[in-house]
Amino acid sequence: MPKNFISNSPDSVRMFKSNFLERLSKVHYSVPLIIYVPIVLYFSIKDFLINKEGLFSFSGFFLLGILVWSFTEYILHRFLFHFIPKSSWGSRLHFIFHGVHHDYPNDAKRLVMPPSVSLPLAILFYCLFSLFLSIGNLYAFFPGFVTGYLVYDISHYAIHHFNFKSKHWKKIKKHHMLHHYSNSSKAFGVSSPLWDNIFQSNLN
Protein backbone atom coordinates (compact mmCIF):
# COMPACT_ATOMS: atom_id res chain seq x y z
CA MET A 1 0.00 0.00 0.00
CA PRO A 2 1.68 3.25 -1.07
CA LYS A 3 1.97 5.76 1.73
CA ASN A 4 1.61 9.43 0.89
CA PHE A 5 0.40 10.80 4.21
CA ILE A 6 0.91 10.00 7.89
CA SER A 7 -0.30 12.21 10.70
CA ASN A 8 0.95 11.67 14.24
CA SER A 9 -1.94 13.68 15.64
CA PRO A 10 -4.04 11.89 18.31
CA ASP A 11 -7.08 13.03 16.33
CA SER A 12 -8.32 11.90 12.94
CA VAL A 13 -10.12 13.09 9.88
CA ARG A 14 -13.90 13.09 9.80
CA MET A 15 -15.09 10.18 7.63
CA PHE A 16 -18.86 10.61 7.46
CA LYS A 17 -21.22 13.55 7.03
CA SER A 18 -23.69 11.76 9.29
CA ASN A 19 -22.99 12.34 13.00
CA PHE A 20 -24.46 8.92 13.76
CA LEU A 21 -22.14 7.08 11.38
CA GLU A 22 -19.19 9.15 12.56
CA ARG A 23 -19.88 8.10 16.16
CA LEU A 24 -20.16 4.46 15.10
CA SER A 25 -16.69 4.64 13.52
CA LYS A 26 -15.06 5.55 16.83
CA VAL A 27 -14.79 3.36 19.89
CA HIS A 28 -13.03 3.43 23.27
CA TYR A 29 -10.49 0.63 23.74
CA SER A 30 -12.45 -0.77 26.71
CA VAL A 31 -15.57 -1.51 24.64
CA PRO A 32 -14.35 -4.86 23.23
CA LEU A 33 -13.57 -6.00 26.78
CA ILE A 34 -17.04 -5.01 27.99
CA ILE A 35 -18.69 -6.89 25.13
CA TYR A 36 -16.53 -9.97 24.68
CA VAL A 37 -15.27 -10.92 28.14
CA PRO A 38 -18.84 -11.93 29.13
CA ILE A 39 -19.08 -13.94 25.88
CA VAL A 40 -15.84 -15.77 26.70
CA LEU A 41 -17.10 -16.51 30.21
CA TYR A 42 -20.55 -17.58 28.98
CA PHE A 43 -19.28 -20.18 26.52
CA SER A 44 -16.55 -21.39 28.88
CA ILE A 45 -18.97 -21.90 31.77
CA LYS A 46 -21.55 -23.46 29.48
CA ASP A 47 -18.93 -25.91 28.23
CA PHE A 48 -18.03 -27.00 31.76
CA LEU A 49 -21.56 -27.10 33.22
CA ILE A 50 -23.64 -28.41 30.33
CA ASN A 51 -21.21 -30.39 28.18
CA LYS A 52 -19.04 -31.44 31.14
CA GLU A 53 -15.85 -31.22 29.12
CA GLY A 54 -12.73 -32.04 31.07
CA LEU A 55 -10.11 -29.39 31.73
CA PHE A 56 -7.61 -31.04 29.37
CA SER A 57 -10.09 -31.14 26.47
CA PHE A 58 -11.29 -27.60 27.14
CA SER A 59 -7.74 -26.23 27.34
CA GLY A 60 -6.76 -27.94 24.08
CA PHE A 61 -9.62 -26.50 22.07
CA PHE A 62 -9.33 -23.11 23.81
CA LEU A 63 -5.67 -22.84 22.82
CA LEU A 64 -6.52 -24.05 19.32
CA GLY A 65 -9.04 -21.20 19.10
CA ILE A 66 -6.34 -18.68 20.01
CA LEU A 67 -4.03 -20.15 17.37
CA VAL A 68 -6.75 -20.06 14.71
CA TRP A 69 -7.47 -16.43 15.60
CA SER A 70 -3.80 -15.50 15.15
CA PHE A 71 -3.91 -17.02 11.66
CA THR A 72 -7.23 -15.27 10.93
CA GLU A 73 -5.76 -11.97 12.11
CA TYR A 74 -2.85 -12.38 9.71
CA ILE A 75 -5.02 -13.36 6.73
CA LEU A 76 -7.57 -10.58 7.29
CA HIS A 77 -4.88 -7.94 7.73
CA ARG A 78 -2.78 -9.03 4.77
CA PHE A 79 -5.40 -9.90 2.17
CA LEU A 80 -8.54 -7.98 3.17
CA PHE A 81 -7.47 -4.84 5.04
CA HIS A 82 -4.68 -4.15 2.54
CA PHE A 83 -6.67 -4.93 -0.57
CA ILE A 84 -7.38 -1.70 -2.44
CA PRO A 85 -9.96 -1.96 -5.24
CA LYS A 86 -9.30 0.21 -8.28
CA SER A 87 -12.72 1.84 -8.23
CA SER A 88 -13.28 5.11 -6.37
CA TRP A 89 -15.92 3.55 -4.10
CA GLY A 90 -13.58 0.64 -3.40
CA SER A 91 -10.79 3.00 -2.41
CA ARG A 92 -13.24 4.86 -0.19
CA LEU A 93 -14.31 1.59 1.46
CA HIS A 94 -10.68 0.62 2.03
CA PHE A 95 -9.98 3.97 3.63
CA ILE A 96 -12.92 3.56 6.00
CA PHE A 97 -11.92 0.05 7.04
CA HIS A 98 -8.14 0.40 7.30
CA GLY A 99 -6.62 3.24 5.31
CA VAL A 100 -7.61 5.81 7.91
CA HIS A 101 -5.59 3.92 10.51
CA HIS A 102 -2.46 4.12 8.37
CA ASP A 103 -2.98 7.82 7.76
CA TYR A 104 -3.80 8.54 11.42
CA PRO A 105 -2.10 5.71 13.36
CA ASN A 106 -2.33 7.47 16.74
CA ASP A 107 -6.05 8.18 16.67
CA ALA A 108 -7.07 6.50 19.95
CA LYS A 109 -10.71 6.09 18.90
CA ARG A 110 -9.96 4.14 15.72
CA LEU A 111 -7.54 1.53 17.04
CA VAL A 112 -9.97 -1.20 18.11
CA MET A 113 -12.66 -2.68 15.90
CA PRO A 114 -16.10 -1.05 16.27
CA PRO A 115 -18.83 -3.45 17.50
CA SER A 116 -20.80 -2.65 14.34
CA VAL A 117 -18.09 -4.61 12.50
CA SER A 118 -16.80 -7.07 15.10
CA LEU A 119 -20.19 -8.43 16.23
CA PRO A 120 -21.39 -9.48 12.73
CA LEU A 121 -17.95 -11.03 12.13
CA ALA A 122 -18.13 -12.90 15.44
CA ILE A 123 -21.54 -14.32 14.51
CA LEU A 124 -20.26 -15.26 11.05
CA PHE A 125 -17.24 -17.06 12.46
CA TYR A 126 -19.35 -18.83 15.10
CA CYS A 127 -21.68 -20.14 12.40
CA LEU A 128 -18.69 -21.21 10.29
CA PHE A 129 -17.04 -23.07 13.16
CA SER A 130 -20.33 -24.75 14.08
CA LEU A 131 -20.23 -26.53 10.72
CA PHE A 132 -17.01 -28.32 11.67
CA LEU A 133 -17.07 -28.68 15.47
CA SER A 134 -19.37 -30.50 17.85
CA ILE A 135 -21.18 -28.34 20.41
CA GLY A 136 -18.83 -29.45 23.19
CA ASN A 137 -15.71 -28.59 21.22
CA LEU A 138 -17.24 -25.39 19.82
CA TYR A 139 -17.99 -24.07 23.32
CA ALA A 140 -14.29 -24.44 24.17
CA PHE A 141 -12.87 -23.37 20.81
CA PHE A 142 -14.97 -20.22 20.30
CA PRO A 143 -14.04 -18.47 23.60
CA GLY A 144 -10.39 -19.16 22.73
CA PHE A 145 -10.91 -17.58 19.32
CA VAL A 146 -12.58 -14.55 20.92
CA THR A 147 -9.81 -14.29 23.52
CA GLY A 148 -7.31 -14.19 20.68
CA TYR A 149 -9.30 -11.35 19.14
CA LEU A 150 -9.30 -9.45 22.44
CA VAL A 151 -5.53 -9.86 22.77
CA TYR A 152 -5.19 -8.49 19.24
CA ASP A 153 -7.47 -5.50 19.80
CA ILE A 154 -6.09 -4.44 23.18
CA SER A 155 -2.46 -5.07 22.24
CA HIS A 156 -3.00 -3.01 19.08
CA TYR A 157 -4.13 -0.08 21.21
CA ALA A 158 -1.25 -0.58 23.65
CA ILE A 159 1.33 -0.83 20.85
CA HIS A 160 0.37 2.63 19.62
CA HIS A 161 0.03 4.31 23.02
CA PHE A 162 2.19 2.53 25.62
CA ASN A 163 5.92 2.57 26.18
CA PHE A 164 6.85 -1.02 26.99
CA LYS A 165 9.69 -2.13 29.23
CA SER A 166 9.63 -5.87 28.53
CA LYS A 167 11.76 -7.16 25.65
CA HIS A 168 8.85 -9.22 24.34
CA TRP A 169 6.47 -6.29 23.95
CA LYS A 170 9.22 -4.02 22.65
CA LYS A 171 9.77 -6.58 19.90
CA ILE A 172 6.03 -6.76 19.15
CA LYS A 173 5.81 -2.97 19.00
CA LYS A 174 8.84 -2.68 16.72
CA HIS A 175 7.31 -5.28 14.40
CA HIS A 176 4.10 -3.27 14.04
CA MET A 177 5.82 0.10 13.77
CA LEU A 178 7.89 -1.23 10.87
CA HIS A 179 4.59 -2.11 9.18
CA HIS A 180 3.37 1.46 9.65
CA TYR A 181 6.49 3.50 9.00
CA SER A 182 8.78 1.32 6.90
CA ASN A 183 6.87 -1.05 4.62
CA SER A 184 3.11 -1.60 4.89
CA SER A 185 3.32 -4.60 2.54
CA LYS A 186 5.16 -6.56 5.24
CA ALA A 187 4.77 -7.43 8.95
CA PHE A 188 1.02 -8.06 9.05
CA GLY A 189 0.88 -9.82 12.41
CA VAL A 190 -0.13 -7.41 15.16
CA SER A 191 -0.38 -9.54 18.29
CA SER A 192 2.31 -11.94 17.08
CA PRO A 193 4.91 -12.16 14.28
CA LEU A 194 4.36 -15.94 14.08
CA TRP A 195 2.68 -16.09 10.68
CA ASP A 196 4.96 -13.42 9.21
CA ASN A 197 7.85 -15.70 10.10
CA ILE A 198 6.11 -18.73 8.58
CA PHE A 199 5.08 -16.98 5.34
CA GLN A 200 8.27 -14.90 5.12
CA SER A 201 6.51 -11.54 5.22
CA ASN A 202 8.67 -10.27 8.07
CA LEU A 203 10.81 -7.15 7.90
CA ASN A 204 13.44 -8.32 10.39
C-alpha atoms as a PDB file:
ATOM      1  CA  MET A   1       0.000   0.000   0.000  1.00  0.00           C
ATOM      2  CA  PRO A   2       1.679   3.252  -1.069  1.00  0.00           C
ATOM      3  CA  LYS A   3       1.971   5.761   1.725  1.00  0.00           C
ATOM      4  CA  ASN A   4       1.605   9.434   0.893  1.00  0.00           C
ATOM      5  CA  PHE A   5       0.396  10.804   4.208  1.00  0.00           C
ATOM      6  CA  ILE A   6       0.910  10.001   7.886  1.00  0.00           C
ATOM      7  CA  SER A   7      -0.298  12.212  10.703  1.00  0.00           C
ATOM      8  CA  ASN A   8       0.948  11.667  14.243  1.00  0.00           C
ATOM      9  CA  SER A   9      -1.936  13.678  15.643  1.00  0.00           C
ATOM     10  CA  PRO A  10      -4.040  11.890  18.310  1.00  0.00           C
ATOM     11  CA  ASP A  11      -7.079  13.033  16.334  1.00  0.00           C
ATOM     12  CA  SER A  12      -8.316  11.900  12.942  1.00  0.00           C
ATOM     13  CA  VAL A  13     -10.116  13.089   9.880  1.00  0.00           C
ATOM     14  CA  ARG A  14     -13.902  13.092   9.796  1.00  0.00           C
ATOM     15  CA  MET A  15     -15.086  10.184   7.629  1.00  0.00           C
ATOM     16  CA  PHE A  16     -18.861  10.614   7.462  1.00  0.00           C
ATOM     17  CA  LYS A  17     -21.218  13.546   7.030  1.00  0.00           C
ATOM     18  CA  SER A  18     -23.688  11.759   9.293  1.00  0.00           C
ATOM     19  CA  ASN A  19     -22.988  12.343  12.996  1.00  0.00           C
ATOM     20  CA  PHE A  20     -24.464   8.917  13.760  1.00  0.00           C
ATOM     21  CA  LEU A  21     -22.143   7.083  11.378  1.00  0.00           C
ATOM     22  CA  GLU A  22     -19.194   9.146  12.564  1.00  0.00           C
ATOM     23  CA  ARG A  23     -19.879   8.100  16.162  1.00  0.00           C
ATOM     24  CA  LEU A  24     -20.160   4.460  15.095  1.00  0.00           C
ATOM     25  CA  SER A  25     -16.694   4.645  13.516  1.00  0.00           C
ATOM     26  CA  LYS A  26     -15.061   5.553  16.828  1.00  0.00           C
ATOM     27  CA  VAL A  27     -14.790   3.363  19.895  1.00  0.00           C
ATOM     28  CA  HIS A  28     -13.028   3.427  23.272  1.00  0.00           C
ATOM     29  CA  TYR A  29     -10.490   0.627  23.741  1.00  0.00           C
ATOM     30  CA  SER A  30     -12.448  -0.770  26.706  1.00  0.00           C
ATOM     31  CA  VAL A  31     -15.566  -1.508  24.640  1.00  0.00           C
ATOM     32  CA  PRO A  32     -14.353  -4.865  23.228  1.00  0.00           C
ATOM     33  CA  LEU A  33     -13.567  -6.005  26.776  1.00  0.00           C
ATOM     34  CA  ILE A  34     -17.035  -5.013  27.994  1.00  0.00           C
ATOM     35  CA  ILE A  35     -18.695  -6.889  25.130  1.00  0.00           C
ATOM     36  CA  TYR A  36     -16.528  -9.970  24.675  1.00  0.00           C
ATOM     37  CA  VAL A  37     -15.268 -10.925  28.144  1.00  0.00           C
ATOM     38  CA  PRO A  38     -18.837 -11.929  29.130  1.00  0.00           C
ATOM     39  CA  ILE A  39     -19.076 -13.939  25.878  1.00  0.00           C
ATOM     40  CA  VAL A  40     -15.838 -15.765  26.700  1.00  0.00           C
ATOM     41  CA  LEU A  41     -17.099 -16.508  30.208  1.00  0.00           C
ATOM     42  CA  TYR A  42     -20.550 -17.584  28.981  1.00  0.00           C
ATOM     43  CA  PHE A  43     -19.281 -20.178  26.517  1.00  0.00           C
ATOM     44  CA  SER A  44     -16.550 -21.393  28.880  1.00  0.00           C
ATOM     45  CA  ILE A  45     -18.969 -21.901  31.773  1.00  0.00           C
ATOM     46  CA  LYS A  46     -21.547 -23.462  29.481  1.00  0.00           C
ATOM     47  CA  ASP A  47     -18.931 -25.908  28.234  1.00  0.00           C
ATOM     48  CA  PHE A  48     -18.035 -27.002  31.762  1.00  0.00           C
ATOM     49  CA  LEU A  49     -21.559 -27.105  33.222  1.00  0.00           C
ATOM     50  CA  ILE A  50     -23.637 -28.410  30.325  1.00  0.00           C
ATOM     51  CA  ASN A  51     -21.215 -30.390  28.184  1.00  0.00           C
ATOM     52  CA  LYS A  52     -19.041 -31.439  31.137  1.00  0.00           C
ATOM     53  CA  GLU A  53     -15.855 -31.220  29.116  1.00  0.00           C
ATOM     54  CA  GLY A  54     -12.729 -32.042  31.074  1.00  0.00           C
ATOM     55  CA  LEU A  55     -10.110 -29.388  31.730  1.00  0.00           C
ATOM     56  CA  PHE A  56      -7.609 -31.040  29.374  1.00  0.00           C
ATOM     57  CA  SER A  57     -10.088 -31.145  26.469  1.00  0.00           C
ATOM     58  CA  PHE A  58     -11.289 -27.603  27.141  1.00  0.00           C
ATOM     59  CA  SER A  59      -7.741 -26.232  27.336  1.00  0.00           C
ATOM     60  CA  GLY A  60      -6.760 -27.936  24.084  1.00  0.00           C
ATOM     61  CA  PHE A  61      -9.625 -26.503  22.065  1.00  0.00           C
ATOM     62  CA  PHE A  62      -9.332 -23.110  23.814  1.00  0.00           C
ATOM     63  CA  LEU A  63      -5.668 -22.841  22.819  1.00  0.00           C
ATOM     64  CA  LEU A  64      -6.521 -24.046  19.318  1.00  0.00           C
ATOM     65  CA  GLY A  65      -9.044 -21.204  19.101  1.00  0.00           C
ATOM     66  CA  ILE A  66      -6.340 -18.681  20.011  1.00  0.00           C
ATOM     67  CA  LEU A  67      -4.026 -20.148  17.368  1.00  0.00           C
ATOM     68  CA  VAL A  68      -6.747 -20.061  14.705  1.00  0.00           C
ATOM     69  CA  TRP A  69      -7.474 -16.434  15.603  1.00  0.00           C
ATOM     70  CA  SER A  70      -3.804 -15.505  15.145  1.00  0.00           C
ATOM     71  CA  PHE A  71      -3.913 -17.020  11.656  1.00  0.00           C
ATOM     72  CA  THR A  72      -7.232 -15.274  10.929  1.00  0.00           C
ATOM     73  CA  GLU A  73      -5.763 -11.967  12.113  1.00  0.00           C
ATOM     74  CA  TYR A  74      -2.852 -12.379   9.710  1.00  0.00           C
ATOM     75  CA  ILE A  75      -5.022 -13.360   6.727  1.00  0.00           C
ATOM     76  CA  LEU A  76      -7.569 -10.576   7.288  1.00  0.00           C
ATOM     77  CA  HIS A  77      -4.877  -7.939   7.726  1.00  0.00           C
ATOM     78  CA  ARG A  78      -2.782  -9.032   4.771  1.00  0.00           C
ATOM     79  CA  PHE A  79      -5.398  -9.904   2.166  1.00  0.00           C
ATOM     80  CA  LEU A  80      -8.539  -7.980   3.168  1.00  0.00           C
ATOM     81  CA  PHE A  81      -7.472  -4.843   5.036  1.00  0.00           C
ATOM     82  CA  HIS A  82      -4.679  -4.145   2.545  1.00  0.00           C
ATOM     83  CA  PHE A  83      -6.673  -4.930  -0.566  1.00  0.00           C
ATOM     84  CA  ILE A  84      -7.380  -1.696  -2.442  1.00  0.00           C
ATOM     85  CA  PRO A  85      -9.964  -1.957  -5.239  1.00  0.00           C
ATOM     86  CA  LYS A  86      -9.303   0.207  -8.283  1.00  0.00           C
ATOM     87  CA  SER A  87     -12.723   1.843  -8.232  1.00  0.00           C
ATOM     88  CA  SER A  88     -13.280   5.113  -6.371  1.00  0.00           C
ATOM     89  CA  TRP A  89     -15.922   3.552  -4.099  1.00  0.00           C
ATOM     90  CA  GLY A  90     -13.582   0.638  -3.402  1.00  0.00           C
ATOM     91  CA  SER A  91     -10.787   2.997  -2.411  1.00  0.00           C
ATOM     92  CA  ARG A  92     -13.238   4.858  -0.191  1.00  0.00           C
ATOM     93  CA  LEU A  93     -14.313   1.593   1.459  1.00  0.00           C
ATOM     94  CA  HIS A  94     -10.682   0.615   2.026  1.00  0.00           C
ATOM     95  CA  PHE A  95      -9.975   3.975   3.633  1.00  0.00           C
ATOM     96  CA  ILE A  96     -12.922   3.558   6.004  1.00  0.00           C
ATOM     97  CA  PHE A  97     -11.919   0.047   7.039  1.00  0.00           C
ATOM     98  CA  HIS A  98      -8.144   0.403   7.298  1.00  0.00           C
ATOM     99  CA  GLY A  99      -6.615   3.236   5.312  1.00  0.00           C
ATOM    100  CA  VAL A 100      -7.611   5.813   7.909  1.00  0.00           C
ATOM    101  CA  HIS A 101      -5.594   3.922  10.512  1.00  0.00           C
ATOM    102  CA  HIS A 102      -2.461   4.118   8.375  1.00  0.00           C
ATOM    103  CA  ASP A 103      -2.982   7.823   7.756  1.00  0.00           C
ATOM    104  CA  TYR A 104      -3.802   8.539  11.420  1.00  0.00           C
ATOM    105  CA  PRO A 105      -2.101   5.713  13.364  1.00  0.00           C
ATOM    106  CA  ASN A 106      -2.333   7.474  16.744  1.00  0.00           C
ATOM    107  CA  ASP A 107      -6.053   8.178  16.674  1.00  0.00           C
ATOM    108  CA  ALA A 108      -7.073   6.504  19.947  1.00  0.00           C
ATOM    109  CA  LYS A 109     -10.712   6.088  18.898  1.00  0.00           C
ATOM    110  CA  ARG A 110      -9.959   4.138  15.716  1.00  0.00           C
ATOM    111  CA  LEU A 111      -7.539   1.526  17.044  1.00  0.00           C
ATOM    112  CA  VAL A 112      -9.966  -1.198  18.112  1.00  0.00           C
ATOM    113  CA  MET A 113     -12.656  -2.683  15.896  1.00  0.00           C
ATOM    114  CA  PRO A 114     -16.096  -1.054  16.272  1.00  0.00           C
ATOM    115  CA  PRO A 115     -18.829  -3.446  17.500  1.00  0.00           C
ATOM    116  CA  SER A 116     -20.801  -2.649  14.344  1.00  0.00           C
ATOM    117  CA  VAL A 117     -18.093  -4.613  12.496  1.00  0.00           C
ATOM    118  CA  SER A 118     -16.804  -7.068  15.102  1.00  0.00           C
ATOM    119  CA  LEU A 119     -20.191  -8.432  16.233  1.00  0.00           C
ATOM    120  CA  PRO A 120     -21.385  -9.482  12.734  1.00  0.00           C
ATOM    121  CA  LEU A 121     -17.955 -11.028  12.130  1.00  0.00           C
ATOM    122  CA  ALA A 122     -18.133 -12.901  15.441  1.00  0.00           C
ATOM    123  CA  ILE A 123     -21.539 -14.325  14.505  1.00  0.00           C
ATOM    124  CA  LEU A 124     -20.264 -15.262  11.053  1.00  0.00           C
ATOM    125  CA  PHE A 125     -17.236 -17.064  12.465  1.00  0.00           C
ATOM    126  CA  TYR A 126     -19.347 -18.827  15.101  1.00  0.00           C
ATOM    127  CA  CYS A 127     -21.684 -20.144  12.401  1.00  0.00           C
ATOM    128  CA  LEU A 128     -18.694 -21.209  10.292  1.00  0.00           C
ATOM    129  CA  PHE A 129     -17.036 -23.072  13.158  1.00  0.00           C
ATOM    130  CA  SER A 130     -20.335 -24.748  14.083  1.00  0.00           C
ATOM    131  CA  LEU A 131     -20.231 -26.528  10.720  1.00  0.00           C
ATOM    132  CA  PHE A 132     -17.011 -28.316  11.670  1.00  0.00           C
ATOM    133  CA  LEU A 133     -17.071 -28.676  15.466  1.00  0.00           C
ATOM    134  CA  SER A 134     -19.367 -30.497  17.855  1.00  0.00           C
ATOM    135  CA  ILE A 135     -21.176 -28.338  20.413  1.00  0.00           C
ATOM    136  CA  GLY A 136     -18.833 -29.451  23.190  1.00  0.00           C
ATOM    137  CA  ASN A 137     -15.714 -28.591  21.225  1.00  0.00           C
ATOM    138  CA  LEU A 138     -17.239 -25.390  19.816  1.00  0.00           C
ATOM    139  CA  TYR A 139     -17.993 -24.065  23.319  1.00  0.00           C
ATOM    140  CA  ALA A 140     -14.288 -24.445  24.174  1.00  0.00           C
ATOM    141  CA  PHE A 141     -12.868 -23.370  20.808  1.00  0.00           C
ATOM    142  CA  PHE A 142     -14.965 -20.215  20.301  1.00  0.00           C
ATOM    143  CA  PRO A 143     -14.040 -18.472  23.597  1.00  0.00           C
ATOM    144  CA  GLY A 144     -10.389 -19.161  22.729  1.00  0.00           C
ATOM    145  CA  PHE A 145     -10.909 -17.583  19.316  1.00  0.00           C
ATOM    146  CA  VAL A 146     -12.584 -14.546  20.921  1.00  0.00           C
ATOM    147  CA  THR A 147      -9.806 -14.288  23.522  1.00  0.00           C
ATOM    148  CA  GLY A 148      -7.305 -14.187  20.675  1.00  0.00           C
ATOM    149  CA  TYR A 149      -9.297 -11.350  19.135  1.00  0.00           C
ATOM    150  CA  LEU A 150      -9.299  -9.451  22.443  1.00  0.00           C
ATOM    151  CA  VAL A 151      -5.535  -9.857  22.773  1.00  0.00           C
ATOM    152  CA  TYR A 152      -5.190  -8.492  19.236  1.00  0.00           C
ATOM    153  CA  ASP A 153      -7.474  -5.497  19.804  1.00  0.00           C
ATOM    154  CA  ILE A 154      -6.094  -4.444  23.182  1.00  0.00           C
ATOM    155  CA  SER A 155      -2.462  -5.070  22.244  1.00  0.00           C
ATOM    156  CA  HIS A 156      -2.999  -3.013  19.085  1.00  0.00           C
ATOM    157  CA  TYR A 157      -4.132  -0.080  21.208  1.00  0.00           C
ATOM    158  CA  ALA A 158      -1.246  -0.578  23.645  1.00  0.00           C
ATOM    159  CA  ILE A 159       1.333  -0.827  20.853  1.00  0.00           C
ATOM    160  CA  HIS A 160       0.365   2.627  19.618  1.00  0.00           C
ATOM    161  CA  HIS A 161       0.025   4.309  23.016  1.00  0.00           C
ATOM    162  CA  PHE A 162       2.186   2.529  25.617  1.00  0.00           C
ATOM    163  CA  ASN A 163       5.918   2.566  26.177  1.00  0.00           C
ATOM    164  CA  PHE A 164       6.852  -1.019  26.985  1.00  0.00           C
ATOM    165  CA  LYS A 165       9.686  -2.133  29.232  1.00  0.00           C
ATOM    166  CA  SER A 166       9.627  -5.872  28.532  1.00  0.00           C
ATOM    167  CA  LYS A 167      11.759  -7.164  25.655  1.00  0.00           C
ATOM    168  CA  HIS A 168       8.851  -9.220  24.335  1.00  0.00           C
ATOM    169  CA  TRP A 169       6.470  -6.291  23.949  1.00  0.00           C
ATOM    170  CA  LYS A 170       9.215  -4.015  22.651  1.00  0.00           C
ATOM    171  CA  LYS A 171       9.772  -6.578  19.903  1.00  0.00           C
ATOM    172  CA  ILE A 172       6.034  -6.764  19.149  1.00  0.00           C
ATOM    173  CA  LYS A 173       5.807  -2.965  18.997  1.00  0.00           C
ATOM    174  CA  LYS A 174       8.842  -2.679  16.717  1.00  0.00           C
ATOM    175  CA  HIS A 175       7.313  -5.276  14.398  1.00  0.00           C
ATOM    176  CA  HIS A 176       4.097  -3.273  14.037  1.00  0.00           C
ATOM    177  CA  MET A 177       5.822   0.098  13.772  1.00  0.00           C
ATOM    178  CA  LEU A 178       7.885  -1.231  10.871  1.00  0.00           C
ATOM    179  CA  HIS A 179       4.587  -2.110   9.177  1.00  0.00           C
ATOM    180  CA  HIS A 180       3.368   1.457   9.647  1.00  0.00           C
ATOM    181  CA  TYR A 181       6.492   3.496   8.998  1.00  0.00           C
ATOM    182  CA  SER A 182       8.785   1.316   6.901  1.00  0.00           C
ATOM    183  CA  ASN A 183       6.866  -1.054   4.621  1.00  0.00           C
ATOM    184  CA  SER A 184       3.111  -1.598   4.891  1.00  0.00           C
ATOM    185  CA  SER A 185       3.315  -4.600   2.544  1.00  0.00           C
ATOM    186  CA  LYS A 186       5.158  -6.564   5.245  1.00  0.00           C
ATOM    187  CA  ALA A 187       4.767  -7.429   8.947  1.00  0.00           C
ATOM    188  CA  PHE A 188       1.018  -8.063   9.050  1.00  0.00           C
ATOM    189  CA  GLY A 189       0.876  -9.815  12.405  1.00  0.00           C
ATOM    190  CA  VAL A 190      -0.134  -7.405  15.160  1.00  0.00           C
ATOM    191  CA  SER A 191      -0.381  -9.538  18.291  1.00  0.00           C
ATOM    192  CA  SER A 192       2.315 -11.941  17.084  1.00  0.00           C
ATOM    193  CA  PRO A 193       4.910 -12.161  14.284  1.00  0.00           C
ATOM    194  CA  LEU A 194       4.362 -15.945  14.081  1.00  0.00           C
ATOM    195  CA  TRP A 195       2.682 -16.091  10.678  1.00  0.00           C
ATOM    196  CA  ASP A 196       4.958 -13.417   9.211  1.00  0.00           C
ATOM    197  CA  ASN A 197       7.851 -15.697  10.096  1.00  0.00           C
ATOM    198  CA  ILE A 198       6.113 -18.731   8.578  1.00  0.00           C
ATOM    199  CA  PHE A 199       5.081 -16.975   5.343  1.00  0.00           C
ATOM    200  CA  GLN A 200       8.270 -14.897   5.124  1.00  0.00           C
ATOM    201  CA  SER A 201       6.509 -11.541   5.215  1.00  0.00           C
ATOM    202  CA  ASN A 202       8.668 -10.274   8.068  1.00  0.00           C
ATOM    203  CA  LEU A 203      10.813  -7.150   7.896  1.00  0.00           C
ATOM    204  CA  ASN A 204      13.441  -8.322  10.389  1.00  0.00           C
END
